[in-house]
C-alpha atoms as a PDB file:
ATOM      1  CA  MET A   1      35.064  19.194  91.700  1.00  0.00           C
ATOM      2  CA  SER A   2      34.497  22.783  93.208  1.00  0.00           C
ATOM      3  CA  LEU A   3      31.490  24.286  94.462  1.00  0.00           C
ATOM      4  CA  LYS A   4      29.616  26.706  92.371  1.00  0.00           C
ATOM      5  CA  GLY A   5      26.594  28.276  91.843  1.00  0.00           C
ATOM      6  CA  PRO A   6      23.914  26.337  90.454  1.00  0.00           C
ATOM      7  CA  GLU A   7      24.113  28.328  87.068  1.00  0.00           C
ATOM      8  CA  THR A   8      28.005  27.743  87.137  1.00  0.00           C
ATOM      9  CA  VAL A   9      28.528  24.070  87.776  1.00  0.00           C
ATOM     10  CA  GLU A  10      30.647  22.524  85.021  1.00  0.00           C
ATOM     11  CA  LEU A  11      31.150  18.930  84.980  1.00  0.00           C
ATOM     12  CA  GLU A  12      34.321  17.475  84.220  1.00  0.00           C
ATOM     13  CA  GLY A  13      35.016  17.053  80.639  1.00  0.00           C
ATOM     14  CA  SER A  14      32.072  18.848  79.455  1.00  0.00           C
ATOM     15  CA  ARG A  15      34.269  21.539  77.643  1.00  0.00           C
ATOM     16  CA  SER A  16      34.850  19.276  74.928  1.00  0.00           C
ATOM     17  CA  ARG A  17      31.253  18.353  74.572  1.00  0.00           C
ATOM     18  CA  HIS A  18      28.436  19.724  71.865  1.00  0.00           C
ATOM     19  CA  LEU A  19      25.062  19.583  72.445  1.00  0.00           C
ATOM     20  CA  PRO A  20      23.320  17.302  70.231  1.00  0.00           C
ATOM     21  CA  GLY A  21      21.811  19.446  67.727  1.00  0.00           C
ATOM     22  CA  GLU A  22      25.045  21.625  67.464  1.00  0.00           C
ATOM     23  CA  ALA A  23      27.057  17.800  66.787  1.00  0.00           C
ATOM     24  CA  ASP A  24      23.839  16.773  64.294  1.00  0.00           C
ATOM     25  CA  ALA A  25      24.590  20.048  62.005  1.00  0.00           C
ATOM     26  CA  GLU A  26      28.091  20.068  61.900  1.00  0.00           C
ATOM     27  CA  HIS A  27      27.708  16.230  60.966  1.00  0.00           C
ATOM     28  CA  ALA A  28      25.407  17.013  58.295  1.00  0.00           C
ATOM     29  CA  ALA A  29      27.245  20.072  56.770  1.00  0.00           C
ATOM     30  CA  ASP A  30      30.679  17.919  56.469  1.00  0.00           C
ATOM     31  CA  LEU A  31      28.697  15.300  54.846  1.00  0.00           C
ATOM     32  CA  GLN A  32      27.010  17.571  52.684  1.00  0.00           C
ATOM     33  CA  ALA A  33      30.276  18.794  51.779  1.00  0.00           C
ATOM     34  CA  GLU A  34      31.881  15.606  50.715  1.00  0.00           C
ATOM     35  CA  ILE A  35      28.667  14.174  48.686  1.00  0.00           C
ATOM     36  CA  ARG A  36      28.976  17.698  46.819  1.00  0.00           C
ATOM     37  CA  ARG A  37      33.202  16.888  46.381  1.00  0.00           C
ATOM     38  CA  VAL A  38      32.306  13.065  45.287  1.00  0.00           C
ATOM     39  CA  SER A  39      29.402  13.759  43.187  1.00  0.00           C
ATOM     40  CA  ALA A  40      30.740  16.987  41.209  1.00  0.00           C
ATOM     41  CA  PRO A  41      32.761  14.477  38.632  1.00  0.00           C
ATOM     42  CA  LEU A  42      29.866  12.495  38.502  1.00  0.00           C
ATOM     43  CA  LYS A  43      27.514  15.247  37.640  1.00  0.00           C
ATOM     44  CA  ALA A  44      30.079  16.719  35.098  1.00  0.00           C
ATOM     45  CA  GLN A  45      30.171  12.821  33.498  1.00  0.00           C
ATOM     46  CA  THR A  46      26.477  12.694  33.365  1.00  0.00           C
ATOM     47  CA  ARG A  47      26.164  15.855  31.465  1.00  0.00           C
ATOM     48  CA  PHE A  48      29.221  14.891  29.156  1.00  0.00           C
ATOM     49  CA  THR A  49      27.856  11.349  28.574  1.00  0.00           C
ATOM     50  CA  SER A  50      24.122  13.099  27.763  1.00  0.00           C
ATOM     51  CA  ASP A  51      25.202  15.645  25.545  1.00  0.00           C
ATOM     52  CA  LEU A  52      27.725  12.790  23.952  1.00  0.00           C
ATOM     53  CA  ARG A  53      24.863  10.633  23.310  1.00  0.00           C
ATOM     54  CA  THR A  54      22.451  13.646  21.877  1.00  0.00           C
ATOM     55  CA  ARG A  55      25.504  14.555  19.563  1.00  0.00           C
ATOM     56  CA  LEU A  56      25.783  10.863  18.218  1.00  0.00           C
ATOM     57  CA  LYS A  57      21.548  10.695  17.775  1.00  0.00           C
ATOM     58  CA  ILE A  58      22.273  13.740  15.874  1.00  0.00           C
ATOM     59  CA  ARG A  59      25.279  12.746  13.751  1.00  0.00           C
ATOM     60  CA  CYS A  60      23.500   9.326  12.970  1.00  0.00           C
ATOM     61  CA  HIS A  61      20.158  11.009  12.114  1.00  0.00           C
ATOM     62  CA  VAL A  62      22.460  13.063   9.686  1.00  0.00           C
ATOM     63  CA  LEU A  63      24.046  10.573   8.566  1.00  0.00           C
ATOM     64  CA  ARG A  64      21.080   8.450   7.691  1.00  0.00           C
ATOM     65  CA  VAL A  65      19.406  11.538   5.713  1.00  0.00           C
ATOM     66  CA  THR A  66      22.476  12.048   3.591  1.00  0.00           C
ATOM     67  CA  ALA A  67      22.825   8.431   2.712  1.00  0.00           C
ATOM     68  CA  ASP A  68      19.074   8.129   1.634  1.00  0.00           C
ATOM     69  CA  ARG A  69      19.517  11.253  -0.368  1.00  0.00           C
ATOM     70  CA  PHE A  70      22.584   9.787  -2.177  1.00  0.00           C
ATOM     71  CA  PHE A  71      21.020   6.507  -2.780  1.00  0.00           C
ATOM     72  CA  LYS A  72      17.652   8.222  -3.572  1.00  0.00           C
ATOM     73  CA  ARG A  73      19.493  10.131  -6.162  1.00  0.00           C
ATOM     74  CA  GLY A  74      21.410   7.236  -7.391  1.00  0.00           C
ATOM     75  CA  LEU A  75      18.008   5.200  -8.352  1.00  0.00           C
ATOM     76  CA  ASP A  76      16.932   8.145  -9.856  1.00  0.00           C
ATOM     77  CA  VAL A  77      19.294   8.763 -12.574  1.00  0.00           C
ATOM     78  CA  ALA A  78      19.816   4.869 -13.076  1.00  0.00           C
ATOM     79  CA  GLY A  79      16.323   4.347 -13.162  1.00  0.00           C
ATOM     80  CA  SER A  80      15.686   6.790 -15.686  1.00  0.00           C
ATOM     81  CA  LEU A  81      18.340   6.335 -17.869  1.00  0.00           C
ATOM     82  CA  ALA A  82      17.292   2.491 -17.920  1.00  0.00           C
ATOM     83  CA  ALA A  83      13.484   3.512 -18.533  1.00  0.00           C
ATOM     84  CA  ILE A  84      14.437   6.121 -21.478  1.00  0.00           C
ATOM     85  CA  ILE A  85      16.723   3.626 -23.201  1.00  0.00           C
ATOM     86  CA  LEU A  86      13.968   0.800 -22.485  1.00  0.00           C
ATOM     87  CA  LEU A  87      11.280   2.419 -23.860  1.00  0.00           C
ATOM     88  CA  LEU A  88      12.742   4.075 -26.825  1.00  0.00           C
ATOM     89  CA  PRO A  89      10.747   2.166 -29.314  1.00  0.00           C
ATOM     90  CA  LEU A  90       7.630   2.643 -27.428  1.00  0.00           C
ATOM     91  CA  PHE A  91       8.642   6.668 -27.502  1.00  0.00           C
ATOM     92  CA  THR A  92       9.002   6.399 -31.354  1.00  0.00           C
ATOM     93  CA  ALA A  93       5.317   4.435 -31.604  1.00  0.00           C
ATOM     94  CA  VAL A  94       3.696   7.197 -29.707  1.00  0.00           C
ATOM     95  CA  ALA A  95       5.419  10.159 -31.362  1.00  0.00           C
ATOM     96  CA  ILE A  96       4.267   8.965 -35.156  1.00  0.00           C
ATOM     97  CA  TRP A  97       0.514   8.403 -33.508  1.00  0.00           C
ATOM     98  CA  ILE A  98       0.683  11.683 -31.913  1.00  0.00           C
ATOM     99  CA  LYS A  99       1.360  13.619 -35.159  1.00  0.00           C
ATOM    100  CA  LEU A 100      -0.851  11.384 -37.056  1.00  0.00           C
ATOM    101  CA  ASP A 101      -3.708  12.100 -34.474  1.00  0.00           C
ATOM    102  CA  SER A 102      -3.756  15.811 -34.263  1.00  0.00           C
ATOM    103  CA  PRO A 103      -1.801  18.834 -35.434  1.00  0.00           C
ATOM    104  CA  GLY A 104       0.593  20.454 -32.880  1.00  0.00           C
ATOM    105  CA  PRO A 105       3.872  19.685 -30.954  1.00  0.00           C
ATOM    106  CA  LEU A 106       5.025  16.307 -30.100  1.00  0.00           C
ATOM    107  CA  ILE A 107       5.805  17.395 -26.406  1.00  0.00           C
ATOM    108  CA  TYR A 108       3.721  19.537 -24.414  1.00  0.00           C
ATOM    109  CA  ARG A 109       5.788  22.051 -21.829  1.00  0.00           C
ATOM    110  CA  GLN A 110       4.025  23.101 -18.980  1.00  0.00           C
ATOM    111  CA  VAL A 111       5.550  25.301 -15.592  1.00  0.00           C
ATOM    112  CA  ARG A 112       5.008  23.351 -12.723  1.00  0.00           C
ATOM    113  CA  ILE A 113       6.016  24.095  -8.863  1.00  0.00           C
ATOM    114  CA  GLY A 114       8.995  21.975  -7.404  1.00  0.00           C
ATOM    115  CA  GLN A 115      10.874  21.519  -4.524  1.00  0.00           C
ATOM    116  CA  PHE A 116      10.843  24.701  -2.250  1.00  0.00           C
ATOM    117  CA  GLY A 117       8.476  26.329  -4.585  1.00  0.00           C
ATOM    118  CA  ARG A 118      10.853  26.513  -7.504  1.00  0.00           C
ATOM    119  CA  PRO A 119       9.174  26.511 -10.823  1.00  0.00           C
ATOM    120  CA  PHE A 120      10.599  24.356 -13.777  1.00  0.00           C
ATOM    121  CA  TYR A 121       9.446  22.892 -17.339  1.00  0.00           C
ATOM    122  CA  PHE A 122       7.509  19.832 -17.006  1.00  0.00           C
ATOM    123  CA  TYR A 123       7.442  17.355 -19.780  1.00  0.00           C
ATOM    124  CA  LYS A 124       4.634  15.244 -21.286  1.00  0.00           C
ATOM    125  CA  PHE A 125       3.636  13.618 -24.587  1.00  0.00           C
ATOM    126  CA  ARG A 126       0.878  16.319 -25.892  1.00  0.00           C
ATOM    127  CA  SER A 127      -2.614  14.263 -25.063  1.00  0.00           C
ATOM    128  CA  MET A 128      -4.876  17.336 -25.586  1.00  0.00           C
ATOM    129  CA  TYR A 129      -5.526  19.437 -28.829  1.00  0.00           C
ATOM    130  CA  THR A 130      -3.693  22.572 -29.042  1.00  0.00           C
ATOM    131  CA  ASP A 131      -6.100  25.205 -27.608  1.00  0.00           C
ATOM    132  CA  SER A 132      -6.727  23.004 -24.277  1.00  0.00           C
ATOM    133  CA  GLU A 133      -5.910  25.963 -21.994  1.00  0.00           C
ATOM    134  CA  ALA A 134      -7.973  28.351 -23.779  1.00  0.00           C
ATOM    135  CA  ARG A 135     -11.161  26.031 -23.514  1.00  0.00           C
ATOM    136  CA  ARG A 136     -10.323  25.129 -19.899  1.00  0.00           C
ATOM    137  CA  ALA A 137     -12.239  28.308 -18.355  1.00  0.00           C
ATOM    138  CA  ALA A 138     -15.448  27.007 -20.233  1.00  0.00           C
ATOM    139  CA  LEU A 139     -15.312  23.645 -18.297  1.00  0.00           C
ATOM    140  CA  GLU A 140     -14.257  24.577 -14.674  1.00  0.00           C
ATOM    141  CA  ARG A 141     -17.983  23.914 -13.843  1.00  0.00           C
ATOM    142  CA  GLU A 142     -17.721  20.316 -14.806  1.00  0.00           C
ATOM    143  CA  ASN A 143     -14.593  19.596 -12.687  1.00  0.00           C
ATOM    144  CA  GLU A 144     -15.113  16.269 -10.937  1.00  0.00           C
ATOM    145  CA  SER A 145     -12.343  16.877  -8.522  1.00  0.00           C
ATOM    146  CA  ALA A 146     -14.256  17.055  -4.771  1.00  0.00           C
ATOM    147  CA  ASP A 147     -11.872  19.736  -3.131  1.00  0.00           C
ATOM    148  CA  GLY A 148     -11.701  21.931  -6.645  1.00  0.00           C
ATOM    149  CA  VAL A 149      -8.065  22.414  -6.383  1.00  0.00           C
ATOM    150  CA  ILE A 150      -7.107  20.514  -9.381  1.00  0.00           C
ATOM    151  CA  PHE A 151      -9.533  20.226 -12.505  1.00  0.00           C
ATOM    152  CA  LYS A 152     -10.602  16.700 -13.497  1.00  0.00           C
ATOM    153  CA  MET A 153     -12.804  15.182 -15.938  1.00  0.00           C
ATOM    154  CA  LYS A 154     -13.281  11.629 -17.127  1.00  0.00           C
ATOM    155  CA  ASN A 155     -14.473  12.587 -20.345  1.00  0.00           C
ATOM    156  CA  ASP A 156     -12.861  15.976 -21.082  1.00  0.00           C
ATOM    157  CA  PRO A 157     -13.434  16.983 -24.759  1.00  0.00           C
ATOM    158  CA  ARG A 158     -10.090  18.421 -25.193  1.00  0.00           C
ATOM    159  CA  ILE A 159      -8.305  14.956 -24.695  1.00  0.00           C
ATOM    160  CA  THR A 160      -7.405  13.816 -28.137  1.00  0.00           C
ATOM    161  CA  ARG A 161      -7.917   9.870 -29.536  1.00  0.00           C
ATOM    162  CA  CYS A 162      -4.250   8.961 -29.006  1.00  0.00           C
ATOM    163  CA  GLY A 163      -4.271  11.061 -25.625  1.00  0.00           C
ATOM    164  CA  ARG A 164      -6.816   9.054 -24.028  1.00  0.00           C
ATOM    165  CA  PHE A 165      -4.826   5.787 -24.533  1.00  0.00           C
ATOM    166  CA  ILE A 166      -1.862   7.201 -23.135  1.00  0.00           C
ATOM    167  CA  ARG A 167      -3.329   9.033 -20.165  1.00  0.00           C
ATOM    168  CA  LYS A 168      -4.938   5.926 -19.323  1.00  0.00           C
ATOM    169  CA  TYR A 169      -1.559   3.757 -19.068  1.00  0.00           C
ATOM    170  CA  SER A 170       0.254   6.842 -17.925  1.00  0.00           C
ATOM    171  CA  ILE A 171       2.705   6.799 -21.075  1.00  0.00           C
ATOM    172  CA  ASP A 172       2.187  10.481 -21.227  1.00  0.00           C
ATOM    173  CA  GLU A 173       4.336  10.764 -18.309  1.00  0.00           C
ATOM    174  CA  ALA A 174       7.552   9.157 -19.937  1.00  0.00           C
ATOM    175  CA  PRO A 175       9.311  12.358 -20.846  1.00  0.00           C
ATOM    176  CA  GLN A 176       9.301  13.265 -17.592  1.00  0.00           C
ATOM    177  CA  PHE A 177      12.070  10.925 -17.126  1.00  0.00           C
ATOM    178  CA  PHE A 178      14.233  13.910 -18.634  1.00  0.00           C
ATOM    179  CA  ASN A 179      13.051  15.738 -15.661  1.00  0.00           C
ATOM    180  CA  VAL A 180      14.418  13.360 -13.307  1.00  0.00           C
ATOM    181  CA  LEU A 181      17.858  13.133 -14.868  1.00  0.00           C
ATOM    182  CA  LEU A 182      17.729  17.059 -14.653  1.00  0.00           C
ATOM    183  CA  GLY A 183      17.082  16.815 -11.396  1.00  0.00           C
ATOM    184  CA  ASP A 184      13.796  18.774 -11.371  1.00  0.00           C
ATOM    185  CA  MET A 185      12.143  15.861 -10.123  1.00  0.00           C
ATOM    186  CA  SER A 186      12.776  12.090  -8.661  1.00  0.00           C
ATOM    187  CA  LEU A 187      11.070   9.062  -9.475  1.00  0.00           C
ATOM    188  CA  VAL A 188       9.021   8.895  -6.342  1.00  0.00           C
ATOM    189  CA  GLY A 189       7.310  11.584  -4.792  1.00  0.00           C
ATOM    190  CA  PRO A 190       4.726  14.183  -4.672  1.00  0.00           C
ATOM    191  CA  ARG A 191       2.574  15.220  -8.209  1.00  0.00           C
ATOM    192  CA  PRO A 192       4.330  18.533  -9.210  1.00  0.00           C
ATOM    193  CA  PRO A 193       1.257  20.897  -8.826  1.00  0.00           C
ATOM    194  CA  LEU A 194       0.589  23.838 -11.385  1.00  0.00           C
ATOM    195  CA  PRO A 195       1.281  27.432  -9.908  1.00  0.00           C
ATOM    196  CA  ALA A 196      -2.659  27.944  -9.798  1.00  0.00           C
ATOM    197  CA  GLU A 197      -3.248  25.231  -7.565  1.00  0.00           C
ATOM    198  CA  VAL A 198      -0.372  26.142  -5.554  1.00  0.00           C
ATOM    199  CA  ALA A 199      -1.999  29.434  -4.904  1.00  0.00           C
ATOM    200  CA  GLN A 200      -4.470  27.823  -3.394  1.00  0.00           C
ATOM    201  CA  TYR A 201      -2.571  25.669  -0.904  1.00  0.00           C
ATOM    202  CA  SER A 202      -2.786  25.869   2.935  1.00  0.00           C
ATOM    203  CA  LEU A 203       0.289  26.300   4.940  1.00  0.00           C
ATOM    204  CA  ASP A 204      -0.226  22.727   6.119  1.00  0.00           C
ATOM    205  CA  THR A 205      -0.614  21.776   2.173  1.00  0.00           C
ATOM    206  CA  ARG A 206       2.468  23.484   1.308  1.00  0.00           C
ATOM    207  CA  LYS A 207       4.503  20.694   3.206  1.00  0.00           C
ATOM    208  CA  ARG A 208       3.971  18.930  -0.043  1.00  0.00           C
ATOM    209  CA  LEU A 209       6.758  21.127  -1.772  1.00  0.00           C
ATOM    210  CA  ASP A 210       9.318  20.110   1.084  1.00  0.00           C
ATOM    211  CA  ILE A 211      10.704  17.358  -1.240  1.00  0.00           C
ATOM    212  CA  LEU A 212      11.444  16.920  -5.240  1.00  0.00           C
ATOM    213  CA  PRO A 213       8.167  16.389  -7.016  1.00  0.00           C
ATOM    214  CA  GLY A 214       8.330  12.615  -8.533  1.00  0.00           C
ATOM    215  CA  ILE A 215       6.402  10.466 -11.733  1.00  0.00           C
ATOM    216  CA  THR A 216       4.889   8.242  -9.002  1.00  0.00           C
ATOM    217  CA  CYS A 217       3.610   8.454  -5.668  1.00  0.00           C
ATOM    218  CA  ILE A 218       1.375   6.613  -2.852  1.00  0.00           C
ATOM    219  CA  TRP A 219      -1.893   8.161  -4.316  1.00  0.00           C
ATOM    220  CA  GLN A 220      -0.981   7.165  -7.832  1.00  0.00           C
ATOM    221  CA  ILE A 221      -0.742   3.439  -6.863  1.00  0.00           C
ATOM    222  CA  SER A 222      -3.907   3.812  -5.033  1.00  0.00           C
ATOM    223  CA  GLY A 223      -6.291   4.926  -7.304  1.00  0.00           C
ATOM    224  CA  ARG A 224      -4.765   7.922  -8.849  1.00  0.00           C
ATOM    225  CA  SER A 225      -7.687  10.704  -9.912  1.00  0.00           C
ATOM    226  CA  ASP A 226     -10.259   8.625  -8.121  1.00  0.00           C
ATOM    227  CA  ILE A 227      -8.457   9.850  -4.686  1.00  0.00           C
ATOM    228  CA  PRO A 228      -9.699  13.197  -3.383  1.00  0.00           C
ATOM    229  CA  PHE A 229      -7.235  16.045  -3.409  1.00  0.00           C
ATOM    230  CA  ARG A 230      -7.539  16.150   0.516  1.00  0.00           C
ATOM    231  CA  GLU A 231      -6.492  12.515   0.746  1.00  0.00           C
ATOM    232  CA  GLN A 232      -3.639  12.885  -1.767  1.00  0.00           C
ATOM    233  CA  VAL A 233      -2.134  15.240   0.392  1.00  0.00           C
ATOM    234  CA  VAL A 234      -2.545  13.220   3.706  1.00  0.00           C
ATOM    235  CA  MET A 235      -0.617  10.597   1.740  1.00  0.00           C
ATOM    236  CA  ASP A 236       1.939  12.747   0.496  1.00  0.00           C
ATOM    237  CA  GLN A 237       2.406  13.858   3.421  1.00  0.00           C
ATOM    238  CA  GLU A 238       2.867  10.266   5.261  1.00  0.00           C
ATOM    239  CA  TYR A 239       5.386   9.737   2.731  1.00  0.00           C
ATOM    240  CA  ILE A 240       7.393  13.002   3.312  1.00  0.00           C
ATOM    241  CA  ARG A 241       7.749  11.874   7.108  1.00  0.00           C
ATOM    242  CA  ARG A 242       8.408   8.013   6.274  1.00  0.00           C
ATOM    243  CA  GLN A 243      10.457   8.158   3.115  1.00  0.00           C
ATOM    244  CA  SER A 244      13.295   5.993   2.319  1.00  0.00           C
ATOM    245  CA  PHE A 245      15.331   4.374  -0.479  1.00  0.00           C
ATOM    246  CA  TRP A 246      13.646   1.197   0.115  1.00  0.00           C
ATOM    247  CA  LYS A 247      10.057   2.708   0.365  1.00  0.00           C
ATOM    248  CA  ASP A 248      10.901   4.208  -3.074  1.00  0.00           C
ATOM    249  CA  VAL A 249      11.790   0.632  -4.352  1.00  0.00           C
ATOM    250  CA  LEU A 250       8.319  -0.825  -2.959  1.00  0.00           C
ATOM    251  CA  ILE A 251       6.548   1.785  -4.393  1.00  0.00           C
ATOM    252  CA  LEU A 252       8.307   1.559  -7.827  1.00  0.00           C
ATOM    253  CA  PHE A 253       7.522  -2.057  -8.267  1.00  0.00           C
ATOM    254  CA  ARG A 254       3.651  -1.270  -7.103  1.00  0.00           C
ATOM    255  CA  THR A 255       3.697   1.298  -9.880  1.00  0.00           C
ATOM    256  CA  ILE A 256       3.971  -1.231 -12.638  1.00  0.00           C
ATOM    257  CA  PRO A 257       0.509  -3.444 -12.350  1.00  0.00           C
ATOM    258  CA  ALA A 258      -1.173   0.102 -10.877  1.00  0.00           C
ATOM    259  CA  VAL A 259      -0.201   1.387 -14.720  1.00  0.00           C
ATOM    260  CA  LEU A 260      -1.094  -1.833 -16.522  1.00  0.00           C
ATOM    261  CA  ALA A 261      -4.709  -1.619 -14.445  1.00  0.00           C
ATOM    262  CA  GLY A 262      -5.175   1.914 -15.728  1.00  0.00           C
ATOM    263  CA  LYS A 263      -7.411   2.598 -12.741  1.00  0.00           C
ATOM    264  CA  GLY A 264      -8.213   6.225 -12.117  1.00  0.00           C
ATOM    265  CA  ALA A 265      -6.391   7.316 -14.968  1.00  0.00           C
ATOM    266  CA  TYR A 266      -8.264  10.103 -16.812  1.00  0.00           C
END
């Protein structure tokens, strides 16, 4: 060991050593670099897995919606054809009664608003006198619909004797099976509104037009015209959110006893 000034004293082997702070910094940098090298493919794999999972969820959702639409349309076609064939004798009897009861056409044709706001001709057996539309203005003050958007009267003087019977048991709605065959309506869905009713819809209420209108729906089997319009809208929106093939089948089965009971039909 050579004698040097105190500031220049060097211990043997000290040139190969690092200060503790420098060693920790270099080790940390090396460790971080190694972590980045090892984790890079893992992060890429995670992103790929996440993207794949998302794509699979979207694909499954699209397939489910497509399948539901396919089965729903199949149910509509098969159900409406079967109903037309089975109810043909009833159609004949009702047609004769309507003609004997009051003068006018057998079928009442009216413009209604369908899916996405598309207008279409809506068919019913005529249950009112031919001047019913002209007389409606004079009856507006007697509207019994709580919300005022739709027009309903339990003892509407415009309804014929035959009309009261066929409306009570929804027989007047039977020609709408032809609307279903044409694709303007479905067996199950919100009831198709009049253009004047749609003009009063709020943005939220217009969601009822997101799907095909139907012959029957949730509120039709839960009280029909006795249910206020706002509650009808809520029920329709709930159906739209949760609609499925099997839900439609359940509603159709529940429609039969509701029609026979005739509750809320006027």
